[in-house]
Amino acid sequence: MTTQIAVNDAYELVHQLRAALAERSVVLPSLGVDAMLPERPLVELGRCNLATARALIEALTVEAR
């Protein structure tokens, strides 16, 4: 995978993750891409408040039930 493809893929994954979370009414305000090492970009989940953490837990555990 080329560097540019990896970075583009990371941005696409962030877009998909943001959309999937929004379907569960979860917003991670700091969600983004960390392309400090463009050949190995990271999805930055960031920080969130307690209400968002609870909503994320609920969204993840509802699917597991």
Protein backbone atom coordinates (compact mmCIF):
# COMPACT_ATOMS: atom_id res chain seq x y z
CA MET A 1 0.00 0.00 0.00
CA THR A 2 1.42 3.37 -0.94
CA THR A 3 1.65 6.17 1.57
CA GLN A 4 -1.10 8.23 -0.09
CA ILE A 5 -3.42 5.22 -0.32
CA ALA A 6 -2.85 4.47 3.38
CA VAL A 7 -3.68 8.06 4.37
CA ASN A 8 -6.75 8.12 2.12
CA ASP A 9 -7.86 4.80 3.61
CA ALA A 10 -7.50 6.21 7.12
CA TYR A 11 -9.69 9.19 6.24
CA GLU A 12 -12.30 6.89 4.69
CA LEU A 13 -12.33 4.72 7.81
CA VAL A 14 -12.80 7.80 10.00
CA HIS A 15 -15.71 8.85 7.79
CA GLN A 16 -17.29 5.38 8.10
CA LEU A 17 -16.70 5.22 11.84
CA ARG A 18 -18.18 8.69 12.36
CA ALA A 19 -21.28 7.66 10.37
CA ALA A 20 -21.66 4.37 12.26
CA LEU A 21 -21.36 6.13 15.61
CA ALA A 22 -23.83 8.82 14.54
CA GLU A 23 -26.40 6.10 13.82
CA ARG A 24 -26.15 5.30 17.54
CA SER A 25 -26.20 8.99 18.53
CA VAL A 26 -22.55 8.89 19.59
CA VAL A 27 -20.24 11.74 18.63
CA LEU A 28 -16.50 11.57 19.29
CA PRO A 29 -15.49 15.22 18.84
CA SER A 30 -11.78 14.45 18.46
CA LEU A 31 -12.19 11.61 15.96
CA GLY A 32 -9.69 12.06 13.19
CA VAL A 33 -6.55 10.87 11.43
CA ASP A 34 -3.03 11.06 12.83
CA ALA A 35 -0.80 10.97 9.74
CA MET A 36 2.43 11.82 11.56
CA LEU A 37 3.85 8.69 9.93
CA PRO A 38 2.04 8.76 6.57
CA GLU A 39 3.06 5.21 5.75
CA ARG A 40 1.30 4.03 8.93
CA PRO A 41 -1.53 6.47 9.70
CA LEU A 42 -3.59 6.02 12.84
CA VAL A 43 -7.25 6.61 13.56
CA GLU A 44 -7.32 9.00 16.50
CA LEU A 45 -10.33 8.31 18.70
CA GLY A 46 -9.50 11.20 20.99
CA ARG A 47 -11.08 12.23 24.25
CA CYS A 48 -14.73 12.44 25.21
CA ASN A 49 -16.85 13.43 28.16
CA LEU A 50 -18.51 10.94 30.51
CA ALA A 51 -21.89 11.08 28.77
CA THR A 52 -20.26 10.21 25.44
CA ALA A 53 -18.31 7.36 27.05
CA ARG A 54 -21.57 5.98 28.46
CA ALA A 55 -23.29 6.30 25.08
CA LEU A 56 -20.39 4.50 23.41
CA ILE A 57 -20.52 1.68 25.95
CA GLU A 58 -24.28 1.38 25.42
CA ALA A 59 -23.88 1.32 21.63
CA LEU A 60 -21.24 -1.39 21.82
CA THR A 61 -22.97 -3.58 24.38
CA VAL A 62 -26.43 -3.43 22.78
CA GLU A 63 -25.02 -5.23 19.73
CA ALA A 64 -23.46 -7.92 21.93
CA ARG A 65 -26.73 -8.78 23.69
